[in-house]
C-alpha atoms as a PDB file:
ATOM      1  CA  MET A   1      -1.541 -84.866 -18.682  1.00  0.00           C
ATOM      2  CA  ALA A   2      -4.083 -85.664 -21.221  1.00  0.00           C
ATOM      3  CA  ALA A   3      -4.093 -85.703 -25.105  1.00  0.00           C
ATOM      4  CA  CYS A   4      -7.179 -84.417 -27.056  1.00  0.00           C
ATOM      5  CA  GLY A   5      -8.206 -85.737 -30.825  1.00  0.00           C
ATOM      6  CA  PRO A   6      -5.505 -84.372 -33.482  1.00  0.00           C
ATOM      7  CA  ALA A   7      -7.472 -81.655 -35.409  1.00  0.00           C
ATOM      8  CA  LEU A   8      -6.593 -80.158 -39.289  1.00  0.00           C
ATOM      9  CA  VAL A   9      -5.364 -76.729 -38.934  1.00  0.00           C
ATOM     10  CA  ALA A  10      -4.033 -74.245 -41.851  1.00  0.00           C
ATOM     11  CA  ASP A  11      -1.178 -72.255 -40.153  1.00  0.00           C
ATOM     12  CA  LEU A  12       1.972 -73.934 -42.026  1.00  0.00           C
ATOM     13  CA  PRO A  13       3.772 -71.268 -44.637  1.00  0.00           C
ATOM     14  CA  ALA A  14       1.972 -70.793 -47.944  1.00  0.00           C
ATOM     15  CA  GLY A  15      -1.437 -71.501 -46.057  1.00  0.00           C
ATOM     16  CA  GLY A  16      -0.403 -75.639 -45.766  1.00  0.00           C
ATOM     17  CA  THR A  17      -2.472 -77.828 -43.605  1.00  0.00           C
ATOM     18  CA  GLY A  18      -0.901 -80.094 -41.184  1.00  0.00           C
ATOM     19  CA  TYR A  19      -2.504 -82.283 -37.883  1.00  0.00           C
ATOM     20  CA  LEU A  20      -2.310 -79.807 -34.377  1.00  0.00           C
ATOM     21  CA  GLU A  21      -2.682 -82.278 -31.246  1.00  0.00           C
ATOM     22  CA  ALA A  22      -3.130 -80.722 -28.471  1.00  0.00           C
ATOM     23  CA  ALA A  23      -2.453 -81.809 -24.455  1.00  0.00           C
ATOM     24  CA  LYS A  24      -3.655 -80.828 -21.525  1.00  0.00           C
ATOM     25  CA  GLY A  25      -1.809 -80.598 -17.913  1.00  0.00           C
ATOM     26  CA  TYR A  26       1.723 -78.992 -18.831  1.00  0.00           C
ATOM     27  CA  ARG A  27       2.041 -75.710 -16.840  1.00  0.00           C
ATOM     28  CA  TYR A  28       4.556 -74.353 -19.330  1.00  0.00           C
ATOM     29  CA  THR A  29       5.817 -75.179 -22.811  1.00  0.00           C
ATOM     30  CA  ILE A  30       9.159 -73.322 -23.687  1.00  0.00           C
ATOM     31  CA  ALA A  31      10.477 -72.875 -27.033  1.00  0.00           C
ATOM     32  CA  ALA A  32      14.222 -70.803 -28.184  1.00  0.00           C
ATOM     33  CA  GLY A  33      13.817 -69.491 -24.514  1.00  0.00           C
ATOM     34  CA  GLU A  34      10.002 -67.927 -25.081  1.00  0.00           C
ATOM     35  CA  VAL A  35       7.155 -69.434 -22.958  1.00  0.00           C
ATOM     36  CA  THR A  36       4.454 -70.472 -25.647  1.00  0.00           C
ATOM     37  CA  ARG A  37       1.482 -72.159 -23.649  1.00  0.00           C
ATOM     38  CA  LYS A  38       0.999 -71.440 -20.487  1.00  0.00           C
ATOM     39  CA  ASP A  39      -1.242 -73.565 -18.095  1.00  0.00           C
ATOM     40  CA  ASP A  40      -2.411 -74.666 -21.729  1.00  0.00           C
ATOM     41  CA  PRO A  41      -3.523 -72.329 -23.711  1.00  0.00           C
ATOM     42  CA  PHE A  42      -0.908 -70.387 -25.998  1.00  0.00           C
ATOM     43  CA  THR A  43       0.250 -67.293 -25.420  1.00  0.00           C
ATOM     44  CA  GLY A  44       0.991 -66.451 -29.124  1.00  0.00           C
ATOM     45  CA  ALA A  45       4.361 -66.739 -29.085  1.00  0.00           C
ATOM     46  CA  ARG A  46       6.006 -68.692 -32.123  1.00  0.00           C
ATOM     47  CA  PRO A  47       9.505 -68.568 -32.057  1.00  0.00           C
ATOM     48  CA  GLY A  48      11.574 -70.733 -34.088  1.00  0.00           C
ATOM     49  CA  ARG A  49      11.405 -72.705 -37.020  1.00  0.00           C
ATOM     50  CA  ARG A  50       9.766 -76.362 -37.952  1.00  0.00           C
ATOM     51  CA  VAL A  51      11.533 -79.222 -38.487  1.00  0.00           C
ATOM     52  CA  ARG A  52      11.223 -81.827 -40.509  1.00  0.00           C
ATOM     53  CA  SER A  53      12.983 -85.797 -40.359  1.00  0.00           C
ATOM     54  CA  THR A  54      15.814 -86.589 -41.908  1.00  0.00           C
ATOM     55  CA  GLN A  55      14.026 -89.417 -43.493  1.00  0.00           C
ATOM     56  CA  PHE A  56      11.578 -86.940 -45.700  1.00  0.00           C
ATOM     57  CA  GLU A  57      14.386 -85.133 -47.105  1.00  0.00           C
ATOM     58  CA  ALA A  58      16.392 -88.102 -47.970  1.00  0.00           C
ATOM     59  CA  GLY A  59      13.576 -89.648 -49.863  1.00  0.00           C
ATOM     60  CA  ARG A  60      12.781 -85.888 -51.321  1.00  0.00           C
ATOM     61  CA  LYS A  61      16.274 -86.124 -52.721  1.00  0.00           C
ATOM     62  CA  LEU A  62      16.177 -89.933 -53.580  1.00  0.00           C
ATOM     63  CA  SER A  63      12.937 -88.937 -55.884  1.00  0.00           C
ATOM     64  CA  ALA A  64      14.600 -85.898 -56.944  1.00  0.00           C
ATOM     65  CA  GLU A  65      17.418 -88.218 -58.544  1.00  0.00           C
ATOM     66  CA  GLN A  66      15.155 -90.468 -59.399  1.00  0.00           C
ATOM     67  CA  ALA A  67      13.181 -87.847 -62.416  1.00  0.00           C
ATOM     68  CA  ALA A  68      16.326 -86.467 -63.386  1.00  0.00           C
ATOM     69  CA  ALA A  69      17.824 -90.420 -64.425  1.00  0.00           C
ATOM     70  CA  PRO A  70      17.153 -91.111 -67.953  1.00  0.00           C
ATOM     71  CA  PRO A  71      14.723 -94.087 -68.000  1.00  0.00           C
ATOM     72  CA  ALA A  72      15.674 -97.194 -67.935  1.00  0.00           C
ATOM     73  CA  ALA A  73      15.874 -99.711 -71.301  1.00  0.00           C
END
């Protein structure tokens, strides 16, 4: 397996951007029972959904609570 450099791509919901880092050398990549990559190229299948870390959600919740709190005296 060999890693390729990351590339900024606009493939997230609402036109958001994110980094995509490809790898070479895999025969198949399967997600939710569908082959998404075969012999390296993408097949076009996009099953499932984006998963965010719990750290991100916890930080977002904390920020919302901080914004709603009255200012300290």
